[in-house]
Amino acid sequence: MDRSVAELSAARAAELAEALLTNVERALRGKPEVVLRALVAVLAEGHLLLEDVPGVGKTTLARALARSLDTKFCRVQFTSDLLPSDLTGLSVPRIVDGRATGEFEFHPGPIFANVVLADEVNRASPKSQSALLEAMGERSVSVDGVTHELPRPFFVVATQNPLEHHGTHPLPESQLDRFLMRLTIGYPDREHEADVLREDPAATALPNLQPVVSLPELRGMQAIAAAVKFDDSLVAYLLQIVEETREHEALELGVSPRGSVALRRAAQARALIDGRDYCIPEDVRELAVDVMAHRVSADVRGGLRRGSEETQWILSEILDSVPVPL
């Protein structure tokens, strides 16, 4: 293990998390809870889906987060004509002295970065969207039968417009399940929007953001988050919540085991940010809707879609009905 990773203390990790929050909030004003949840996804080694109307700061959040980390960043604009090879890369004939050697060499695509911004991911065709599946799940891509490992850490921030907007394609359930968390940003309040009008932080603060966490430090923070204690009583609490989503009469598909693991990892990351080496029930409860809403499928007869306000309300109802461990 990298020495700087091995020697990173939990207290230092919490300090770095606070520095990250402060740095990102310089570019995205008035949304501390959204920034905190984005950091939770990073520390939990999960992927983040930002869904909202255009112009509220989705791309700004992703870029500010990437600039705050001393990692390799790449942005991919998803369009209807994007090809899978535009993401993963491709093998091309090797040329030596102007002649083909009969061999092929792999040219990696933009997905070979630590932080990948998949901008407007639901404007690409389902075929191109599926190119992200292996990368997000396995941290590798296969091209011409050869598997290529992606750099560690590997984190996808995908933005998408609401499905009602023209030219969008819904993400398949299998891909939605690979996002640790789905967030909306929403409009700023009047005070912070006035700050945006006066200062335009996306054009002034964002380009000047400097990294506050190195790559070894980020790996260390993720390792510490994964080691945060998650008591057996919290395991039972989390499983009860998950089981309720599978049995609720208004939901035809509940949270998957991958979703259960995602919620535990998110709770551990939340505890680290608070400077704790143990989780509490509030860590689970606070993040449950953001982690689960895009994973459950409502009864089609009710006309509800994944992540809608109605499904979030159902999940909130479930959280209120499950006893919180003492």
C-alpha atoms as a PDB file:
ATOM      1  CA  MET A   1       0.000   0.000   0.000  1.00  0.00           C
ATOM      2  CA  ASP A   2       1.119   3.545  -0.709  1.00  0.00           C
ATOM      3  CA  ARG A   3       2.761   4.936   2.433  1.00  0.00           C
ATOM      4  CA  SER A   4       0.658   8.101   2.364  1.00  0.00           C
ATOM      5  CA  VAL A   5      -2.457   5.913   2.197  1.00  0.00           C
ATOM      6  CA  ALA A   6      -1.376   3.669   5.056  1.00  0.00           C
ATOM      7  CA  GLU A   7      -0.545   6.606   7.365  1.00  0.00           C
ATOM      8  CA  LEU A   8      -3.718   8.641   6.710  1.00  0.00           C
ATOM      9  CA  SER A   9      -5.664   8.877   9.978  1.00  0.00           C
ATOM     10  CA  ALA A  10      -9.421   9.049  10.350  1.00  0.00           C
ATOM     11  CA  ALA A  11      -9.100  12.556  11.795  1.00  0.00           C
ATOM     12  CA  ARG A  12      -7.043  13.695   8.803  1.00  0.00           C
ATOM     13  CA  ALA A  13      -9.557  12.072   6.445  1.00  0.00           C
ATOM     14  CA  ALA A  14     -12.367  14.088   8.061  1.00  0.00           C
ATOM     15  CA  GLU A  15     -10.296  17.285   7.659  1.00  0.00           C
ATOM     16  CA  LEU A  16      -9.746  16.542   3.979  1.00  0.00           C
ATOM     17  CA  ALA A  17     -13.463  15.865   3.523  1.00  0.00           C
ATOM     18  CA  GLU A  18     -14.264  19.264   5.028  1.00  0.00           C
ATOM     19  CA  ALA A  19     -11.716  20.907   2.710  1.00  0.00           C
ATOM     20  CA  LEU A  20     -13.372  19.217  -0.270  1.00  0.00           C
ATOM     21  CA  LEU A  21     -16.819  20.415   0.764  1.00  0.00           C
ATOM     22  CA  THR A  22     -15.611  23.986   1.176  1.00  0.00           C
ATOM     23  CA  ASN A  23     -13.782  23.977  -2.144  1.00  0.00           C
ATOM     24  CA  VAL A  24     -16.705  22.634  -4.173  1.00  0.00           C
ATOM     25  CA  GLU A  25     -19.161  25.020  -2.517  1.00  0.00           C
ATOM     26  CA  ARG A  26     -17.129  27.942  -3.861  1.00  0.00           C
ATOM     27  CA  ALA A  27     -18.432  27.030  -7.327  1.00  0.00           C
ATOM     28  CA  LEU A  28     -21.903  25.715  -6.436  1.00  0.00           C
ATOM     29  CA  ARG A  29     -23.522  28.160  -4.036  1.00  0.00           C
ATOM     30  CA  GLY A  30     -26.322  27.401  -1.625  1.00  0.00           C
ATOM     31  CA  LYS A  31     -26.420  23.621  -2.082  1.00  0.00           C
ATOM     32  CA  PRO A  32     -24.385  22.187   0.829  1.00  0.00           C
ATOM     33  CA  GLU A  33     -26.496  19.024   1.172  1.00  0.00           C
ATOM     34  CA  VAL A  34     -26.122  18.207  -2.519  1.00  0.00           C
ATOM     35  CA  VAL A  35     -22.350  18.736  -2.319  1.00  0.00           C
ATOM     36  CA  LEU A  36     -22.155  16.577   0.808  1.00  0.00           C
ATOM     37  CA  ARG A  37     -24.016  13.720  -0.873  1.00  0.00           C
ATOM     38  CA  ALA A  38     -21.779  13.963  -3.926  1.00  0.00           C
ATOM     39  CA  LEU A  39     -18.763  13.596  -1.641  1.00  0.00           C
ATOM     40  CA  VAL A  40     -20.432  10.611   0.036  1.00  0.00           C
ATOM     41  CA  ALA A  41     -20.619   8.919  -3.373  1.00  0.00           C
ATOM     42  CA  VAL A  42     -16.921   9.581  -4.024  1.00  0.00           C
ATOM     43  CA  LEU A  43     -15.790   8.233  -0.646  1.00  0.00           C
ATOM     44  CA  ALA A  44     -18.081   5.197  -0.970  1.00  0.00           C
ATOM     45  CA  GLU A  45     -16.472   4.391  -4.365  1.00  0.00           C
ATOM     46  CA  GLY A  46     -19.847   4.691  -6.064  1.00  0.00           C
ATOM     47  CA  HIS A  47     -21.150   6.490  -9.119  1.00  0.00           C
ATOM     48  CA  LEU A  48     -23.405   9.527  -9.076  1.00  0.00           C
ATOM     49  CA  LEU A  49     -26.415  10.388 -11.243  1.00  0.00           C
ATOM     50  CA  LEU A  50     -27.547  14.035 -11.326  1.00  0.00           C
ATOM     51  CA  GLU A  51     -30.996  14.514 -12.820  1.00  0.00           C
ATOM     52  CA  ASP A  52     -32.525  17.960 -13.154  1.00  0.00           C
ATOM     53  CA  VAL A  53     -33.596  20.623 -15.604  1.00  0.00           C
ATOM     54  CA  PRO A  54     -30.870  22.423 -17.589  1.00  0.00           C
ATOM     55  CA  GLY A  55     -28.993  25.298 -16.013  1.00  0.00           C
ATOM     56  CA  VAL A  56     -29.161  24.488 -12.285  1.00  0.00           C
ATOM     57  CA  GLY A  57     -25.515  23.451 -11.871  1.00  0.00           C
ATOM     58  CA  LYS A  58     -25.232  19.726 -12.632  1.00  0.00           C
ATOM     59  CA  THR A  59     -22.119  20.101 -14.775  1.00  0.00           C
ATOM     60  CA  THR A  60     -20.701  22.749 -12.454  1.00  0.00           C
ATOM     61  CA  LEU A  61     -20.921  20.338  -9.521  1.00  0.00           C
ATOM     62  CA  ALA A  62     -19.182  17.558 -11.451  1.00  0.00           C
ATOM     63  CA  ARG A  63     -16.392  19.831 -12.692  1.00  0.00           C
ATOM     64  CA  ALA A  64     -15.872  21.432  -9.277  1.00  0.00           C
ATOM     65  CA  LEU A  65     -15.598  18.009  -7.670  1.00  0.00           C
ATOM     66  CA  ALA A  66     -13.090  16.873 -10.298  1.00  0.00           C
ATOM     67  CA  ARG A  67     -11.010  20.055  -9.952  1.00  0.00           C
ATOM     68  CA  SER A  68     -10.885  19.596  -6.178  1.00  0.00           C
ATOM     69  CA  LEU A  69      -9.287  16.170  -6.589  1.00  0.00           C
ATOM     70  CA  ASP A  70      -5.784  15.792  -7.992  1.00  0.00           C
ATOM     71  CA  THR A  71      -6.921  13.112 -10.422  1.00  0.00           C
ATOM     72  CA  LYS A  72      -7.316  12.616 -14.150  1.00  0.00           C
ATOM     73  CA  PHE A  73     -10.631  14.050 -15.350  1.00  0.00           C
ATOM     74  CA  CYS A  74     -12.433  13.611 -18.657  1.00  0.00           C
ATOM     75  CA  ARG A  75     -15.742  14.963 -19.881  1.00  0.00           C
ATOM     76  CA  VAL A  76     -17.791  13.140 -22.525  1.00  0.00           C
ATOM     77  CA  GLN A  77     -20.735  14.887 -24.150  1.00  0.00           C
ATOM     78  CA  PHE A  78     -23.344  12.205 -24.822  1.00  0.00           C
ATOM     79  CA  THR A  79     -25.163  12.741 -28.113  1.00  0.00           C
ATOM     80  CA  SER A  80     -27.408  10.636 -30.316  1.00  0.00           C
ATOM     81  CA  ASP A  81     -24.502   9.726 -32.640  1.00  0.00           C
ATOM     82  CA  LEU A  82     -22.051   8.726 -29.894  1.00  0.00           C
ATOM     83  CA  LEU A  83     -20.556   5.264 -30.506  1.00  0.00           C
ATOM     84  CA  PRO A  84     -19.436   2.813 -27.800  1.00  0.00           C
ATOM     85  CA  SER A  85     -15.873   3.003 -29.150  1.00  0.00           C
ATOM     86  CA  ASP A  86     -15.981   6.780 -28.620  1.00  0.00           C
ATOM     87  CA  LEU A  87     -16.036   5.943 -24.923  1.00  0.00           C
ATOM     88  CA  THR A  88     -13.960   2.810 -24.541  1.00  0.00           C
ATOM     89  CA  GLY A  89     -11.373   3.314 -27.282  1.00  0.00           C
ATOM     90  CA  LEU A  90     -10.494   0.951 -30.093  1.00  0.00           C
ATOM     91  CA  SER A  91      -7.755  -1.198 -31.557  1.00  0.00           C
ATOM     92  CA  VAL A  92      -6.070   0.178 -34.673  1.00  0.00           C
ATOM     93  CA  PRO A  93      -3.438  -1.323 -37.007  1.00  0.00           C
ATOM     94  CA  ARG A  94       0.099  -0.621 -35.910  1.00  0.00           C
ATOM     95  CA  ILE A  95       2.077   1.337 -38.486  1.00  0.00           C
ATOM     96  CA  VAL A  96       5.868   1.291 -38.601  1.00  0.00           C
ATOM     97  CA  ASP A  97       7.750   3.299 -41.223  1.00  0.00           C
ATOM     98  CA  GLY A  98       4.507   3.841 -43.104  1.00  0.00           C
ATOM     99  CA  ARG A  99       3.682   0.127 -43.312  1.00  0.00           C
ATOM    100  CA  ALA A 100       1.155  -2.003 -41.459  1.00  0.00           C
ATOM    101  CA  THR A 101       2.824  -4.618 -39.245  1.00  0.00           C
ATOM    102  CA  GLY A 102      -0.218  -6.887 -39.039  1.00  0.00           C
ATOM    103  CA  GLU A 103      -0.472  -6.119 -35.339  1.00  0.00           C
ATOM    104  CA  PHE A 104      -3.049  -4.016 -33.537  1.00  0.00           C
ATOM    105  CA  GLU A 105      -2.553  -1.599 -30.693  1.00  0.00           C
ATOM    106  CA  PHE A 106      -5.201  -0.325 -28.299  1.00  0.00           C
ATOM    107  CA  HIS A 107      -5.925   3.386 -28.137  1.00  0.00           C
ATOM    108  CA  PRO A 108      -7.792   4.040 -24.849  1.00  0.00           C
ATOM    109  CA  GLY A 109     -10.882   6.232 -24.925  1.00  0.00           C
ATOM    110  CA  PRO A 110     -11.899   9.001 -22.528  1.00  0.00           C
ATOM    111  CA  ILE A 111     -13.324   6.526 -20.038  1.00  0.00           C
ATOM    112  CA  PHE A 112      -9.750   5.793 -18.927  1.00  0.00           C
ATOM    113  CA  ALA A 113      -9.768   8.525 -16.287  1.00  0.00           C
ATOM    114  CA  ASN A 114     -10.330   8.686 -12.535  1.00  0.00           C
ATOM    115  CA  VAL A 115     -13.332  11.006 -12.803  1.00  0.00           C
ATOM    116  CA  VAL A 116     -15.530  10.763 -15.902  1.00  0.00           C
ATOM    117  CA  LEU A 117     -18.317  13.246 -16.529  1.00  0.00           C
ATOM    118  CA  ALA A 118     -20.981  11.629 -18.707  1.00  0.00           C
ATOM    119  CA  ASP A 119     -22.825  14.808 -19.632  1.00  0.00           C
ATOM    120  CA  GLU A 120     -26.488  14.410 -20.636  1.00  0.00           C
ATOM    121  CA  VAL A 121     -26.081  10.643 -20.566  1.00  0.00           C
ATOM    122  CA  ASN A 122     -29.703  10.001 -21.575  1.00  0.00           C
ATOM    123  CA  ARG A 123     -29.282  11.744 -24.941  1.00  0.00           C
ATOM    124  CA  ALA A 124     -27.126   8.885 -26.248  1.00  0.00           C
ATOM    125  CA  SER A 125     -28.570   5.724 -27.755  1.00  0.00           C
ATOM    126  CA  PRO A 126     -29.122   2.698 -25.505  1.00  0.00           C
ATOM    127  CA  LYS A 127     -26.206   0.969 -27.263  1.00  0.00           C
ATOM    128  CA  SER A 128     -23.801   3.714 -26.241  1.00  0.00           C
ATOM    129  CA  GLN A 129     -25.277   3.904 -22.744  1.00  0.00           C
ATOM    130  CA  SER A 130     -24.576   0.196 -22.343  1.00  0.00           C
ATOM    131  CA  ALA A 131     -20.873   0.816 -22.940  1.00  0.00           C
ATOM    132  CA  LEU A 132     -20.806   2.248 -19.418  1.00  0.00           C
ATOM    133  CA  LEU A 133     -22.214  -0.920 -17.817  1.00  0.00           C
ATOM    134  CA  GLU A 134     -19.014  -2.959 -17.626  1.00  0.00           C
ATOM    135  CA  ALA A 135     -16.949   0.071 -16.748  1.00  0.00           C
ATOM    136  CA  MET A 136     -19.214   1.058 -13.855  1.00  0.00           C
ATOM    137  CA  GLY A 137     -19.681  -2.463 -12.544  1.00  0.00           C
ATOM    138  CA  GLU A 138     -16.305  -4.078 -13.134  1.00  0.00           C
ATOM    139  CA  ARG A 139     -13.957  -1.088 -13.400  1.00  0.00           C
ATOM    140  CA  SER A 140     -12.757  -2.484 -16.722  1.00  0.00           C
ATOM    141  CA  VAL A 141     -13.671  -2.471 -20.413  1.00  0.00           C
ATOM    142  CA  SER A 142     -13.421  -5.204 -23.026  1.00  0.00           C
ATOM    143  CA  VAL A 143     -12.413  -4.342 -26.574  1.00  0.00           C
ATOM    144  CA  ASP A 144     -11.919  -7.030 -29.239  1.00  0.00           C
ATOM    145  CA  GLY A 145     -11.958  -9.726 -26.585  1.00  0.00           C
ATOM    146  CA  VAL A 146      -9.260  -8.095 -24.441  1.00  0.00           C
ATOM    147  CA  THR A 147     -10.056  -6.737 -20.979  1.00  0.00           C
ATOM    148  CA  HIS A 148      -8.427  -3.462 -19.991  1.00  0.00           C
ATOM    149  CA  GLU A 149      -8.424  -2.341 -16.355  1.00  0.00           C
ATOM    150  CA  LEU A 150      -9.522   1.198 -15.603  1.00  0.00           C
ATOM    151  CA  PRO A 151      -7.513   3.441 -13.259  1.00  0.00           C
ATOM    152  CA  ARG A 152      -8.321   3.410  -9.557  1.00  0.00           C
ATOM    153  CA  PRO A 153     -10.246   5.129  -8.219  1.00  0.00           C
ATOM    154  CA  PHE A 154     -12.821   5.267 -11.003  1.00  0.00           C
ATOM    155  CA  PHE A 155     -15.864   7.471 -10.559  1.00  0.00           C
ATOM    156  CA  VAL A 156     -18.634   8.334 -13.037  1.00  0.00           C
ATOM    157  CA  VAL A 157     -20.699  11.485 -12.597  1.00  0.00           C
ATOM    158  CA  ALA A 158     -23.570  11.322 -15.069  1.00  0.00           C
ATOM    159  CA  THR A 159     -25.991  14.158 -15.699  1.00  0.00           C
ATOM    160  CA  GLN A 160     -29.342  13.791 -17.368  1.00  0.00           C
ATOM    161  CA  ASN A 161     -32.335  15.931 -18.180  1.00  0.00           C
ATOM    162  CA  PRO A 162     -35.806  14.824 -17.089  1.00  0.00           C
ATOM    163  CA  LEU A 163     -37.212  12.139 -19.369  1.00  0.00           C
ATOM    164  CA  GLU A 164     -40.026  14.422 -20.479  1.00  0.00           C
ATOM    165  CA  HIS A 165     -37.504  16.567 -22.367  1.00  0.00           C
ATOM    166  CA  HIS A 166     -37.114  16.152 -26.117  1.00  0.00           C
ATOM    167  CA  GLY A 167     -34.453  13.718 -27.375  1.00  0.00           C
ATOM    168  CA  THR A 168     -33.928  11.702 -24.197  1.00  0.00           C
ATOM    169  CA  HIS A 169     -33.699   7.916 -23.773  1.00  0.00           C
ATOM    170  CA  PRO A 170     -34.483   6.301 -20.401  1.00  0.00           C
ATOM    171  CA  LEU A 171     -31.563   4.523 -18.751  1.00  0.00           C
ATOM    172  CA  PRO A 172     -32.146   0.768 -18.381  1.00  0.00           C
ATOM    173  CA  GLU A 173     -32.779  -0.631 -14.906  1.00  0.00           C
ATOM    174  CA  SER A 174     -29.463  -2.494 -14.921  1.00  0.00           C
ATOM    175  CA  GLN A 175     -27.568   0.742 -15.446  1.00  0.00           C
ATOM    176  CA  LEU A 176     -29.588   2.743 -12.931  1.00  0.00           C
ATOM    177  CA  ASP A 177     -28.770   0.107 -10.333  1.00  0.00           C
ATOM    178  CA  ARG A 178     -25.064   0.780 -10.835  1.00  0.00           C
ATOM    179  CA  PHE A 179     -25.376   4.361  -9.642  1.00  0.00           C
ATOM    180  CA  LEU A 180     -24.827   4.564  -5.914  1.00  0.00           C
ATOM    181  CA  MET A 181     -27.001   7.651  -5.661  1.00  0.00           C
ATOM    182  CA  ARG A 182     -29.348   9.800  -7.715  1.00  0.00           C
ATOM    183  CA  LEU A 183     -29.589  13.484  -6.821  1.00  0.00           C
ATOM    184  CA  THR A 184     -31.488  16.542  -7.934  1.00  0.00           C
ATOM    185  CA  ILE A 185     -30.050  20.018  -7.385  1.00  0.00           C
ATOM    186  CA  GLY A 186     -33.079  22.260  -7.662  1.00  0.00           C
ATOM    187  CA  TYR A 187     -33.269  26.009  -8.022  1.00  0.00           C
ATOM    188  CA  PRO A 188     -31.245  28.151  -5.595  1.00  0.00           C
ATOM    189  CA  ASP A 189     -32.971  30.353  -3.057  1.00  0.00           C
ATOM    190  CA  ARG A 190     -33.219  34.071  -3.736  1.00  0.00           C
ATOM    191  CA  GLU A 191     -30.178  35.011  -1.635  1.00  0.00           C
ATOM    192  CA  HIS A 192     -27.799  32.565  -3.304  1.00  0.00           C
ATOM    193  CA  GLU A 193     -29.142  33.251  -6.770  1.00  0.00           C
ATOM    194  CA  ALA A 194     -28.373  36.917  -6.129  1.00  0.00           C
ATOM    195  CA  ASP A 195     -24.784  35.865  -5.316  1.00  0.00           C
ATOM    196  CA  VAL A 196     -24.667  33.957  -8.588  1.00  0.00           C
ATOM    197  CA  LEU A 197     -25.854  37.009 -10.502  1.00  0.00           C
ATOM    198  CA  ARG A 198     -23.238  39.230  -8.882  1.00  0.00           C
ATOM    199  CA  GLU A 199     -20.250  36.872  -9.011  1.00  0.00           C
ATOM    200  CA  ASP A 200     -21.039  34.132 -11.573  1.00  0.00           C
ATOM    201  CA  PRO A 201     -18.984  31.511  -9.667  1.00  0.00           C
ATOM    202  CA  ALA A 202     -19.188  28.991 -12.520  1.00  0.00           C
ATOM    203  CA  ALA A 203     -17.190  31.426 -14.658  1.00  0.00           C
ATOM    204  CA  THR A 204     -14.969  32.929 -11.942  1.00  0.00           C
ATOM    205  CA  ALA A 205     -14.450  30.553  -9.021  1.00  0.00           C
ATOM    206  CA  LEU A 206     -14.678  27.254 -10.923  1.00  0.00           C
ATOM    207  CA  PRO A 207     -11.708  27.813 -13.314  1.00  0.00           C
ATOM    208  CA  ASN A 208      -9.540  28.828 -10.348  1.00  0.00           C
ATOM    209  CA  LEU A 209     -10.294  25.877  -8.087  1.00  0.00           C
ATOM    210  CA  GLN A 210      -7.162  24.040  -7.019  1.00  0.00           C
ATOM    211  CA  PRO A 211      -6.929  20.391  -5.882  1.00  0.00           C
ATOM    212  CA  VAL A 212      -7.187  19.964  -2.124  1.00  0.00           C
ATOM    213  CA  VAL A 213      -6.914  16.149  -2.031  1.00  0.00           C
ATOM    214  CA  SER A 214      -4.224  14.094  -3.755  1.00  0.00           C
ATOM    215  CA  LEU A 215      -4.823  10.743  -5.416  1.00  0.00           C
ATOM    216  CA  PRO A 216      -3.128   8.745  -2.595  1.00  0.00           C
ATOM    217  CA  GLU A 217      -5.104  10.707  -0.016  1.00  0.00           C
ATOM    218  CA  LEU A 218      -8.362   9.960  -1.833  1.00  0.00           C
ATOM    219  CA  ARG A 219      -7.541   6.252  -1.876  1.00  0.00           C
ATOM    220  CA  GLY A 220      -6.782   6.445   1.827  1.00  0.00           C
ATOM    221  CA  MET A 221     -10.074   8.187   2.569  1.00  0.00           C
ATOM    222  CA  GLN A 222     -11.970   5.517   0.649  1.00  0.00           C
ATOM    223  CA  ALA A 223     -10.148   2.762   2.552  1.00  0.00           C
ATOM    224  CA  ILE A 224     -10.957   4.386   5.889  1.00  0.00           C
ATOM    225  CA  ALA A 225     -14.612   4.809   4.901  1.00  0.00           C
ATOM    226  CA  ALA A 226     -14.846   1.121   4.002  1.00  0.00           C
ATOM    227  CA  ALA A 227     -13.524   0.225   7.487  1.00  0.00           C
ATOM    228  CA  VAL A 228     -16.049   2.320   9.442  1.00  0.00           C
ATOM    229  CA  LYS A 229     -17.897   0.075  11.902  1.00  0.00           C
ATOM    230  CA  PHE A 230     -21.401  -0.938  10.858  1.00  0.00           C
ATOM    231  CA  ASP A 231     -23.029  -2.652  13.831  1.00  0.00           C
ATOM    232  CA  ASP A 232     -25.191  -5.762  13.507  1.00  0.00           C
ATOM    233  CA  SER A 233     -28.180  -3.775  14.759  1.00  0.00           C
ATOM    234  CA  LEU A 234     -27.727  -1.440  11.770  1.00  0.00           C
ATOM    235  CA  VAL A 235     -27.470  -4.424   9.434  1.00  0.00           C
ATOM    236  CA  ALA A 236     -30.853  -5.614  10.729  1.00  0.00           C
ATOM    237  CA  TYR A 237     -32.281  -2.088  10.410  1.00  0.00           C
ATOM    238  CA  LEU A 238     -31.076  -1.692   6.832  1.00  0.00           C
ATOM    239  CA  LEU A 239     -32.339  -5.138   5.838  1.00  0.00           C
ATOM    240  CA  GLN A 240     -35.767  -4.391   7.315  1.00  0.00           C
ATOM    241  CA  ILE A 241     -35.998  -1.247   5.194  1.00  0.00           C
ATOM    242  CA  VAL A 242     -34.967  -3.176   2.080  1.00  0.00           C
ATOM    243  CA  GLU A 243     -37.434  -5.984   2.777  1.00  0.00           C
ATOM    244  CA  GLU A 244     -40.249  -3.444   3.152  1.00  0.00           C
ATOM    245  CA  THR A 245     -39.490  -2.113  -0.360  1.00  0.00           C
ATOM    246  CA  ARG A 246     -39.850  -5.654  -1.703  1.00  0.00           C
ATOM    247  CA  GLU A 247     -43.171  -6.235   0.037  1.00  0.00           C
ATOM    248  CA  HIS A 248     -44.847  -2.822  -0.304  1.00  0.00           C
ATOM    249  CA  GLU A 249     -48.079  -3.064  -2.282  1.00  0.00           C
ATOM    250  CA  ALA A 250     -47.300   0.041  -4.370  1.00  0.00           C
ATOM    251  CA  LEU A 251     -43.884  -1.248  -5.473  1.00  0.00           C
ATOM    252  CA  GLU A 252     -43.558  -4.101  -7.930  1.00  0.00           C
ATOM    253  CA  LEU A 253     -39.755  -4.245  -7.662  1.00  0.00           C
ATOM    254  CA  GLY A 254     -37.815  -3.517  -4.491  1.00  0.00           C
ATOM    255  CA  VAL A 255     -34.215  -2.670  -3.723  1.00  0.00           C
ATOM    256  CA  SER A 256     -31.612  -5.142  -4.998  1.00  0.00           C
ATOM    257  CA  PRO A 257     -28.777  -6.625  -2.894  1.00  0.00           C
ATOM    258  CA  ARG A 258     -26.475  -4.219  -4.743  1.00  0.00           C
ATOM    259  CA  GLY A 259     -28.651  -1.423  -3.388  1.00  0.00           C
ATOM    260  CA  SER A 260     -28.315  -2.794   0.149  1.00  0.00           C
ATOM    261  CA  VAL A 261     -24.533  -2.745  -0.121  1.00  0.00           C
ATOM    262  CA  ALA A 262     -24.651   0.738  -1.637  1.00  0.00           C
ATOM    263  CA  LEU A 263     -26.629   2.104   1.307  1.00  0.00           C
ATOM    264  CA  ARG A 264     -24.226   0.565   3.819  1.00  0.00           C
ATOM    265  CA  ARG A 265     -21.221   2.031   1.991  1.00  0.00           C
ATOM    266  CA  ALA A 266     -22.883   5.435   1.745  1.00  0.00           C
ATOM    267  CA  ALA A 267     -23.624   5.396   5.495  1.00  0.00           C
ATOM    268  CA  GLN A 268     -19.989   4.543   6.234  1.00  0.00           C
ATOM    269  CA  ALA A 269     -18.790   7.447   4.074  1.00  0.00           C
ATOM    270  CA  ARG A 270     -21.254   9.775   5.822  1.00  0.00           C
ATOM    271  CA  ALA A 271     -19.843   8.749   9.189  1.00  0.00           C
ATOM    272  CA  LEU A 272     -16.291   9.479   8.034  1.00  0.00           C
ATOM    273  CA  ILE A 273     -17.279  13.004   6.956  1.00  0.00           C
ATOM    274  CA  ASP A 274     -18.644  13.565  10.467  1.00  0.00           C
ATOM    275  CA  GLY A 275     -15.356  12.323  11.936  1.00  0.00           C
ATOM    276  CA  ARG A 276     -16.790   9.098  13.348  1.00  0.00           C
ATOM    277  CA  ASP A 277     -15.373   5.569  13.037  1.00  0.00           C
ATOM    278  CA  TYR A 278     -18.834   4.041  13.525  1.00  0.00           C
ATOM    279  CA  CYS A 279     -22.234   4.427  11.862  1.00  0.00           C
ATOM    280  CA  ILE A 280     -25.445   5.496  13.526  1.00  0.00           C
ATOM    281  CA  PRO A 281     -29.050   4.924  12.354  1.00  0.00           C
ATOM    282  CA  GLU A 282     -29.283   8.517  11.087  1.00  0.00           C
ATOM    283  CA  ASP A 283     -26.518   7.784   8.557  1.00  0.00           C
ATOM    284  CA  VAL A 284     -28.741   5.121   7.005  1.00  0.00           C
ATOM    285  CA  ARG A 285     -31.977   7.072   7.287  1.00  0.00           C
ATOM    286  CA  GLU A 286     -30.529  10.323   5.893  1.00  0.00           C
ATOM    287  CA  LEU A 287     -29.261   8.702   2.688  1.00  0.00           C
ATOM    288  CA  ALA A 288     -31.817   5.945   2.143  1.00  0.00           C
ATOM    289  CA  VAL A 289     -34.107   7.784  -0.302  1.00  0.00           C
ATOM    290  CA  ASP A 290     -31.238   9.109  -2.445  1.00  0.00           C
ATOM    291  CA  VAL A 291     -29.695   5.631  -2.646  1.00  0.00           C
ATOM    292  CA  MET A 292     -32.905   3.646  -3.171  1.00  0.00           C
ATOM    293  CA  ALA A 293     -35.392   5.794  -5.113  1.00  0.00           C
ATOM    294  CA  HIS A 294     -33.905   5.075  -8.556  1.00  0.00           C
ATOM    295  CA  ARG A 295     -33.708   1.341  -7.780  1.00  0.00           C
ATOM    296  CA  VAL A 296     -37.339   0.638  -6.944  1.00  0.00           C
ATOM    297  CA  SER A 297     -40.024   0.186  -9.550  1.00  0.00           C
ATOM    298  CA  ALA A 298     -43.542   1.335  -8.774  1.00  0.00           C
ATOM    299  CA  ASP A 299     -46.643  -0.599  -9.757  1.00  0.00           C
ATOM    300  CA  VAL A 300     -47.194   0.293 -13.416  1.00  0.00           C
ATOM    301  CA  ARG A 301     -50.915   0.535 -12.763  1.00  0.00           C
ATOM    302  CA  GLY A 302     -50.128   3.520 -10.561  1.00  0.00           C
ATOM    303  CA  GLY A 303     -48.297   5.238 -13.389  1.00  0.00           C
ATOM    304  CA  LEU A 304     -45.208   5.898 -11.262  1.00  0.00           C
ATOM    305  CA  ARG A 305     -41.651   5.912 -12.581  1.00  0.00           C
ATOM    306  CA  ARG A 306     -38.341   5.332 -10.841  1.00  0.00           C
ATOM    307  CA  GLY A 307     -37.138   8.245  -8.759  1.00  0.00           C
ATOM    308  CA  SER A 308     -40.414  10.177  -9.060  1.00  0.00           C
ATOM    309  CA  GLU A 309     -41.734  12.244  -6.182  1.00  0.00           C
ATOM    310  CA  GLU A 310     -44.348   9.566  -5.559  1.00  0.00           C
ATOM    311  CA  THR A 311     -41.789   6.766  -5.186  1.00  0.00           C
ATOM    312  CA  GLN A 312     -39.737   8.988  -2.886  1.00  0.00           C
ATOM    313  CA  TRP A 313     -42.841   9.521  -0.787  1.00  0.00           C
ATOM    314  CA  ILE A 314     -43.372   5.753  -0.584  1.00  0.00           C
ATOM    315  CA  LEU A 315     -39.794   5.263   0.588  1.00  0.00           C
ATOM    316  CA  SER A 316     -40.182   8.018   3.183  1.00  0.00           C
ATOM    317  CA  GLU A 317     -43.320   6.246   4.397  1.00  0.00           C
ATOM    318  CA  ILE A 318     -41.337   3.002   4.722  1.00  0.00           C
ATOM    319  CA  LEU A 319     -38.601   4.755   6.687  1.00  0.00           C
ATOM    320  CA  ASP A 320     -41.188   6.128   9.097  1.00  0.00           C
ATOM    321  CA  SER A 321     -42.680   2.684   9.620  1.00  0.00           C
ATOM    322  CA  VAL A 322     -39.452   0.800  10.412  1.00  0.00           C
ATOM    323  CA  PRO A 323     -38.394   1.051  14.071  1.00  0.00           C
ATOM    324  CA  VAL A 324     -35.048   2.808  14.534  1.00  0.00           C
ATOM    325  CA  PRO A 325     -32.584   0.780  16.654  1.00  0.00           C
ATOM    326  CA  LEU A 326     -31.564   2.338  19.966  1.00  0.00           C
END
